[in-house]
C-alpha atoms as a PDB file:
ATOM      1  CA  ILE A   1     163.072  64.018 154.996  1.00  0.00           C
ATOM      2  CA  THR A   2     166.569  62.597 154.706  1.00  0.00           C
ATOM      3  CA  CYS A   3     167.885  59.061 154.944  1.00  0.00           C
ATOM      4  CA  ARG A   4     169.852  60.076 158.027  1.00  0.00           C
ATOM      5  CA  ASP A   5     166.526  60.435 159.822  1.00  0.00           C
ATOM      6  CA  TRP A   6     166.072  56.632 159.571  1.00  0.00           C
ATOM      7  CA  SER A   7     169.349  54.787 160.153  1.00  0.00           C
ATOM      8  CA  SER A   8     172.711  54.034 158.588  1.00  0.00           C
ATOM      9  CA  ASP A   9     171.360  50.642 157.521  1.00  0.00           C
ATOM     10  CA  VAL A  10     168.986  52.278 155.056  1.00  0.00           C
ATOM     11  CA  CYS A  11     171.453  54.341 153.091  1.00  0.00           C
ATOM     12  CA  SER A  12     174.896  55.852 153.360  1.00  0.00           C
ATOM     13  CA  SER A  13     174.093  59.406 152.219  1.00  0.00           C
ATOM     14  CA  ASP A  14     171.384  62.025 152.518  1.00  0.00           C
ATOM     15  CA  LEU A  15     168.635  62.108 149.911  1.00  0.00           C
ATOM     16  CA  GLU A  16     166.059  64.876 150.075  1.00  0.00           C
ATOM     17  CA  ILE A  17     162.680  63.764 148.696  1.00  0.00           C
ATOM     18  CA  SER A  18     159.208  65.250 148.275  1.00  0.00           C
ATOM     19  CA  ALA A  19     156.042  63.232 147.814  1.00  0.00           C
ATOM     20  CA  LYS A  20     154.303  66.440 146.732  1.00  0.00           C
ATOM     21  CA  THR A  21     156.623  67.343 143.851  1.00  0.00           C
ATOM     22  CA  GLY A  22     158.142  63.918 143.203  1.00  0.00           C
ATOM     23  CA  GLN A  23     161.658  65.190 143.823  1.00  0.00           C
ATOM     24  CA  ASN A  24     164.191  62.314 143.989  1.00  0.00           C
ATOM     25  CA  VAL A  25     161.502  59.652 144.469  1.00  0.00           C
ATOM     26  CA  ASP A  26     163.049  57.646 141.618  1.00  0.00           C
ATOM     27  CA  LYS A  27     166.453  57.816 143.304  1.00  0.00           C
ATOM     28  CA  LEU A  28     164.927  56.714 146.609  1.00  0.00           C
ATOM     29  CA  LEU A  29     163.413  53.654 144.925  1.00  0.00           C
ATOM     30  CA  GLU A  30     166.800  52.829 143.406  1.00  0.00           C
ATOM     31  CA  MET A  31     168.441  53.032 146.829  1.00  0.00           C
ATOM     32  CA  VAL A  32     165.753  50.824 148.400  1.00  0.00           C
ATOM     33  CA  LEU A  33     166.281  48.205 145.679  1.00  0.00           C
ATOM     34  CA  LEU A  34     170.042  48.395 146.151  1.00  0.00           C
ATOM     35  CA  GLN A  35     169.683  47.916 149.898  1.00  0.00           C
ATOM     36  CA  ALA A  36     167.355  44.950 149.337  1.00  0.00           C
ATOM     37  CA  ASP A  37     169.968  43.346 147.080  1.00  0.00           C
ATOM     38  CA  VAL A  38     172.746  43.935 149.609  1.00  0.00           C
ATOM     39  CA  MET A  39     170.658  42.430 152.446  1.00  0.00           C
ATOM     40  CA  GLU A  40     169.394  39.646 150.147  1.00  0.00           C
ATOM     41  CA  LEU A  41     165.764  40.350 151.006  1.00  0.00           C
ATOM     42  CA  LYS A  42     163.584  37.892 149.111  1.00  0.00           C
ATOM     43  CA  ALA A  43     159.974  36.715 149.314  1.00  0.00           C
ATOM     44  CA  ASN A  44     158.825  33.138 148.717  1.00  0.00           C
ATOM     45  CA  PRO A  45     156.640  33.014 145.575  1.00  0.00           C
ATOM     46  CA  ASP A  46     155.661  29.356 146.085  1.00  0.00           C
ATOM     47  CA  CYS A  47     153.620  29.578 149.309  1.00  0.00           C
ATOM     48  CA  PRO A  48     149.923  30.551 149.783  1.00  0.00           C
ATOM     49  CA  ALA A  49     149.588  34.251 149.047  1.00  0.00           C
ATOM     50  CA  LYS A  50     149.508  36.771 151.880  1.00  0.00           C
ATOM     51  CA  GLY A  51     149.318  40.535 151.692  1.00  0.00           C
ATOM     52  CA  THR A  52     147.701  43.759 152.843  1.00  0.00           C
ATOM     53  CA  VAL A  53     144.664  45.681 151.617  1.00  0.00           C
ATOM     54  CA  ILE A  54     145.742  49.156 150.490  1.00  0.00           C
ATOM     55  CA  GLU A  55     142.449  50.639 149.304  1.00  0.00           C
ATOM     56  CA  THR A  56     138.830  49.569 148.902  1.00  0.00           C
ATOM     57  CA  LYS A  57     136.179  51.022 146.610  1.00  0.00           C
ATOM     58  CA  LEU A  58     132.680  50.232 145.378  1.00  0.00           C
ATOM     59  CA  ASP A  59     132.193  49.926 141.613  1.00  0.00           C
ATOM     60  CA  LYS A  60     128.619  49.920 140.270  1.00  0.00           C
ATOM     61  CA  GLY A  61     129.425  47.311 137.622  1.00  0.00           C
ATOM     62  CA  LYS A  62     132.035  45.140 139.349  1.00  0.00           C
ATOM     63  CA  GLY A  63     130.967  45.393 142.978  1.00  0.00           C
ATOM     64  CA  ILE A  64     133.537  45.686 145.757  1.00  0.00           C
ATOM     65  CA  LEU A  65     137.114  46.085 144.545  1.00  0.00           C
ATOM     66  CA  ALA A  66     140.272  46.272 146.643  1.00  0.00           C
ATOM     67  CA  THR A  67     143.882  47.031 145.833  1.00  0.00           C
ATOM     68  CA  VAL A  68     146.000  44.352 147.487  1.00  0.00           C
ATOM     69  CA  LEU A  69     149.765  44.385 147.982  1.00  0.00           C
ATOM     70  CA  VAL A  70     150.985  40.788 147.669  1.00  0.00           C
ATOM     71  CA  GLN A  71     153.826  40.317 150.170  1.00  0.00           C
ATOM     72  CA  GLN A  72     154.311  36.540 150.068  1.00  0.00           C
ATOM     73  CA  GLY A  73     153.364  33.777 147.657  1.00  0.00           C
ATOM     74  CA  THR A  74     151.602  34.112 144.307  1.00  0.00           C
ATOM     75  CA  LEU A  75     147.955  35.183 144.105  1.00  0.00           C
ATOM     76  CA  GLN A  76     146.024  33.420 141.341  1.00  0.00           C
ATOM     77  CA  ARG A  77     142.619  33.883 139.795  1.00  0.00           C
ATOM     78  CA  GLY A  78     140.000  31.557 141.321  1.00  0.00           C
ATOM     79  CA  GLN A  79     141.613  31.276 144.757  1.00  0.00           C
ATOM     80  CA  ALA A  80     139.571  31.665 147.943  1.00  0.00           C
ATOM     81  CA  PHE A  81     140.700  34.248 150.477  1.00  0.00           C
ATOM     82  CA  VAL A  82     139.926  36.105 153.684  1.00  0.00           C
ATOM     83  CA  ALA A  83     140.482  39.868 153.958  1.00  0.00           C
ATOM     84  CA  GLY A  84     139.669  41.445 157.299  1.00  0.00           C
ATOM     85  CA  LEU A  85     136.132  40.376 158.235  1.00  0.00           C
ATOM     86  CA  TYR A  86     135.165  39.019 154.828  1.00  0.00           C
ATOM     87  CA  SER A  87     135.872  36.044 152.604  1.00  0.00           C
ATOM     88  CA  GLY A  88     135.721  35.848 148.830  1.00  0.00           C
ATOM     89  CA  ARG A  89     137.101  34.295 145.680  1.00  0.00           C
ATOM     90  CA  VAL A  90     139.350  36.028 143.157  1.00  0.00           C
ATOM     91  CA  ARG A  91     137.030  36.449 140.170  1.00  0.00           C
ATOM     92  CA  ALA A  92     139.372  38.827 138.351  1.00  0.00           C
ATOM     93  CA  MET A  93     142.621  40.725 138.906  1.00  0.00           C
ATOM     94  CA  TYR A  94     143.877  43.897 137.226  1.00  0.00           C
ATOM     95  CA  ASP A  95     147.358  45.403 137.096  1.00  0.00           C
ATOM     96  CA  ASP A  96     148.195  49.104 137.402  1.00  0.00           C
ATOM     97  CA  LEU A  97     147.263  49.633 133.729  1.00  0.00           C
ATOM     98  CA  GLY A  98     143.814  48.082 134.159  1.00  0.00           C
ATOM     99  CA  LYS A  99     144.768  44.931 132.254  1.00  0.00           C
ATOM    100  CA  GLN A 100     143.382  41.602 133.479  1.00  0.00           C
ATOM    101  CA  ILE A 101     146.051  39.213 134.776  1.00  0.00           C
ATOM    102  CA  ALA A 102     145.921  35.600 135.931  1.00  0.00           C
ATOM    103  CA  SER A 103     148.499  35.743 138.742  1.00  0.00           C
ATOM    104  CA  ALA A 104     150.483  38.204 140.851  1.00  0.00           C
ATOM    105  CA  GLY A 105     153.726  37.480 142.680  1.00  0.00           C
ATOM    106  CA  PRO A 106     155.419  39.118 145.683  1.00  0.00           C
ATOM    107  CA  SER A 107     155.615  42.932 145.693  1.00  0.00           C
ATOM    108  CA  SER A 108     152.757  43.181 143.170  1.00  0.00           C
ATOM    109  CA  ALA A 109     149.905  45.636 143.819  1.00  0.00           C
ATOM    110  CA  VAL A 110     146.770  44.351 142.081  1.00  0.00           C
ATOM    111  CA  LEU A 111     143.104  45.298 141.977  1.00  0.00           C
ATOM    112  CA  VAL A 112     141.089  42.272 143.116  1.00  0.00           C
ATOM    113  CA  GLN A 113     137.425  41.572 142.319  1.00  0.00           C
ATOM    114  CA  GLY A 114     135.395  39.021 144.269  1.00  0.00           C
ATOM    115  CA  PHE A 115     134.887  40.352 147.803  1.00  0.00           C
ATOM    116  CA  GLU A 116     131.721  39.494 149.745  1.00  0.00           C
ATOM    117  CA  GLY A 117     132.171  42.597 151.890  1.00  0.00           C
ATOM    118  CA  ALA A 118     134.363  45.683 151.950  1.00  0.00           C
ATOM    119  CA  PRO A 119     137.586  45.232 153.949  1.00  0.00           C
ATOM    120  CA  MET A 120     139.370  48.188 155.533  1.00  0.00           C
ATOM    121  CA  ALA A 121     142.663  49.636 154.341  1.00  0.00           C
ATOM    122  CA  GLY A 122     145.385  47.872 156.304  1.00  0.00           C
ATOM    123  CA  ASP A 123     143.461  44.600 156.743  1.00  0.00           C
ATOM    124  CA  SER A 124     145.429  41.412 156.185  1.00  0.00           C
ATOM    125  CA  PHE A 125     144.721  39.374 153.049  1.00  0.00           C
ATOM    126  CA  GLN A 126     145.326  35.610 153.052  1.00  0.00           C
ATOM    127  CA  VAL A 127     144.592  32.820 150.587  1.00  0.00           C
ATOM    128  CA  TYR A 128     142.935  29.568 151.748  1.00  0.00           C
ATOM    129  CA  GLN A 129     143.133  26.291 149.855  1.00  0.00           C
ATOM    130  CA  VAL A 130     139.546  25.367 150.808  1.00  0.00           C
ATOM    131  CA  GLU A 131     136.767  27.926 150.314  1.00  0.00           C
ATOM    132  CA  SER A 132     134.703  26.567 153.222  1.00  0.00           C
ATOM    133  CA  GLU A 133     137.621  27.227 155.581  1.00  0.00           C
ATOM    134  CA  ALA A 134     137.820  30.823 154.336  1.00  0.00           C
ATOM    135  CA  ARG A 135     134.091  31.325 154.953  1.00  0.00           C
ATOM    136  CA  GLU A 136     134.355  29.788 158.410  1.00  0.00           C
ATOM    137  CA  MET A 137     137.224  32.101 159.370  1.00  0.00           C
ATOM    138  CA  ALA A 138     135.344  35.163 158.084  1.00  0.00           C
ATOM    139  CA  ASN A 139     132.181  34.159 159.972  1.00  0.00           C
ATOM    140  CA  ARG A 140     134.201  33.696 163.139  1.00  0.00           C
ATOM    141  CA  ARG A 141     135.729  37.151 162.821  1.00  0.00           C
ATOM    142  CA  GLN A 142     132.347  38.752 162.123  1.00  0.00           C
ATOM    143  CA  GLN A 143     130.794  37.046 165.138  1.00  0.00           C
ATOM    144  CA  LEU A 144     133.606  38.296 167.361  1.00  0.00           C
ATOM    145  CA  LYS A 145     133.170  41.812 165.966  1.00  0.00           C
ATOM    146  CA  ARG A 146     129.410  41.744 166.653  1.00  0.00           C
ATOM    147  CA  GLU A 147     130.022  40.645 170.230  1.00  0.00           C
ATOM    148  CA  GLN A 148     132.521  43.459 170.749  1.00  0.00           C
ATOM    149  CA  ASP A 149     130.263  46.080 169.181  1.00  0.00           C
ATOM    150  CA  PHE A 150     127.017  44.976 170.850  1.00  0.00           C
ATOM    151  CA  ARG A 151     125.285  47.807 172.638  1.00  0.00           C
ATOM    152  CA  PRO A 152     121.615  48.341 173.589  1.00  0.00           C
ATOM    153  CA  ALA A 153     119.785  49.988 170.681  1.00  0.00           C
ATOM    154  CA  LYS A 154     118.772  53.587 171.290  1.00  0.00           C
ATOM    155  CA  LYS A 155     117.178  56.010 168.851  1.00  0.00           C
ATOM    156  CA  VAL A 156     119.284  59.138 168.445  1.00  0.00           C
ATOM    157  CA  THR A 157     118.564  62.304 166.447  1.00  0.00           C
ATOM    158  CA  LEU A 158     120.871  65.183 165.537  1.00  0.00           C
ATOM    159  CA  GLU A 159     118.535  67.617 167.292  1.00  0.00           C
ATOM    160  CA  GLY A 160     118.656  65.537 170.453  1.00  0.00           C
ATOM    161  CA  ILE A 161     122.432  65.326 170.370  1.00  0.00           C
ATOM    162  CA  TYR A 162     122.727  69.087 169.868  1.00  0.00           C
ATOM    163  CA  ASP A 163     120.421  69.795 172.825  1.00  0.00           C
ATOM    164  CA  GLN A 164     122.407  67.440 175.047  1.00  0.00           C
ATOM    165  CA  ILE A 165     125.680  69.091 174.017  1.00  0.00           C
ATOM    166  CA  GLN A 166     124.251  72.530 174.853  1.00  0.00           C
ATOM    167  CA  GLU A 167     123.181  71.235 178.250  1.00  0.00           C
ATOM    168  CA  GLY A 168     126.601  69.725 178.866  1.00  0.00           C
ATOM    169  CA  ALA A 169     125.183  66.202 179.045  1.00  0.00           C
ATOM    170  CA  VAL A 170     127.297  64.908 176.168  1.00  0.00           C
ATOM    171  CA  GLN A 171     131.077  65.126 176.317  1.00  0.00           C
ATOM    172  CA  GLU A 172     131.710  62.683 173.479  1.00  0.00           C
ATOM    173  CA  LEU A 173     130.098  62.385 170.036  1.00  0.00           C
ATOM    174  CA  LYS A 174     130.547  58.918 168.502  1.00  0.00           C
ATOM    175  CA  LEU A 175     130.305  58.623 164.724  1.00  0.00           C
ATOM    176  CA  VAL A 176     130.152  55.878 162.078  1.00  0.00           C
ATOM    177  CA  ILE A 177     131.661  56.811 158.705  1.00  0.00           C
ATOM    178  CA  LYS A 178     130.879  54.817 155.550  1.00  0.00           C
ATOM    179  CA  GLY A 179     131.883  55.590 151.961  1.00  0.00           C
ATOM    180  CA  ASP A 180     132.764  54.130 148.571  1.00  0.00           C
ATOM    181  CA  ALA A 181     136.573  54.446 148.849  1.00  0.00           C
ATOM    182  CA  SER A 182     138.763  53.801 151.885  1.00  0.00           C
ATOM    183  CA  GLY A 183     141.069  56.719 151.046  1.00  0.00           C
ATOM    184  CA  SER A 184     138.160  59.166 151.235  1.00  0.00           C
ATOM    185  CA  ILE A 185     136.927  57.537 154.432  1.00  0.00           C
ATOM    186  CA  GLU A 186     140.309  58.030 156.108  1.00  0.00           C
ATOM    187  CA  ALA A 187     140.425  61.688 155.000  1.00  0.00           C
ATOM    188  CA  ILE A 188     136.926  62.364 156.345  1.00  0.00           C
ATOM    189  CA  GLY A 189     137.765  60.611 159.606  1.00  0.00           C
ATOM    190  CA  ASP A 190     140.856  62.783 160.096  1.00  0.00           C
ATOM    191  CA  SER A 191     138.864  65.946 159.361  1.00  0.00           C
ATOM    192  CA  VAL A 192     136.082  64.988 161.762  1.00  0.00           C
ATOM    193  CA  PHE A 193     138.597  64.237 164.521  1.00  0.00           C
ATOM    194  CA  LYS A 194     139.892  67.812 164.282  1.00  0.00           C
ATOM    195  CA  MET A 195     136.384  69.128 165.062  1.00  0.00           C
ATOM    196  CA  SER A 196     136.744  68.205 168.733  1.00  0.00           C
ATOM    197  CA  ASN A 197     136.661  71.149 171.147  1.00  0.00           C
ATOM    198  CA  ASP A 198     136.451  71.901 174.860  1.00  0.00           C
ATOM    199  CA  GLN A 199     132.704  71.132 174.956  1.00  0.00           C
ATOM    200  CA  VAL A 200     132.610  67.816 173.129  1.00  0.00           C
ATOM    201  CA  ARG A 201     135.098  65.250 171.844  1.00  0.00           C
ATOM    202  CA  VAL A 202     134.379  63.683 168.436  1.00  0.00           C
ATOM    203  CA  THR A 203     135.203  59.972 168.217  1.00  0.00           C
ATOM    204  CA  VAL A 204     134.943  57.755 165.124  1.00  0.00           C
ATOM    205  CA  ILE A 205     133.916  54.305 166.413  1.00  0.00           C
ATOM    206  CA  HIS A 206     133.742  52.627 163.016  1.00  0.00           C
ATOM    207  CA  LYS A 207     134.909  53.307 159.450  1.00  0.00           C
ATOM    208  CA  GLY A 208     134.162  51.111 156.443  1.00  0.00           C
ATOM    209  CA  GLY A 209     133.283  50.886 152.786  1.00  0.00           C
ATOM    210  CA  GLY A 210     129.874  50.243 151.257  1.00  0.00           C
ATOM    211  CA  ALA A 211     126.360  51.213 152.260  1.00  0.00           C
ATOM    212  CA  ILE A 212     125.187  51.722 155.847  1.00  0.00           C
ATOM    213  CA  ASN A 213     123.463  48.640 157.267  1.00  0.00           C
ATOM    214  CA  GLU A 214     121.723  47.677 160.497  1.00  0.00           C
ATOM    215  CA  SER A 215     124.866  46.321 162.131  1.00  0.00           C
ATOM    216  CA  ASP A 216     126.499  49.739 161.736  1.00  0.00           C
ATOM    217  CA  VAL A 217     123.846  51.552 163.756  1.00  0.00           C
ATOM    218  CA  GLY A 218     122.752  48.778 166.095  1.00  0.00           C
END
């Protein structure tokens, strides 16, 4: 791609880049920083931390871990938070070198330990001053999700689905995908989507990290 594909506000000249080979990525970062300086783009480091979950994974020793991009405020060890449907408390944070750190300011990407459940990539991350308020917000979101996902339970087998597809009774195959890393989950979801054909459409109704539980198949 070139900068001209975006707008004149981004840069004043073309810059060909490649994420595959790394060509000119360093120059692109320099131009982004220059543009941020010119536009005086700054984040407030003194407010409650907010950010976005980039990736989630399950570690056998540390439990659920998520890489969080801090976009506002300063994230500190011990703070309560809500990420997507789940609350938690920052038990530990690690930088890109795997070193434990006590705080992370705006534009920092840190690996956070202390989640009660696995959030999805793209979920919002927000710090709460009171842990009970964080738990209440997470419970409210989970209750709303259960109400939206509620459907009468029905036992389904792969053999039964195949027979119904052959008979033309099923035009849509709904799937739940769970895994130990959100990046892998997204890749599998994209691959499964491409399996749709004229006979049946494949739809992923839920993607998430961690083990499959009753709420996933209910």
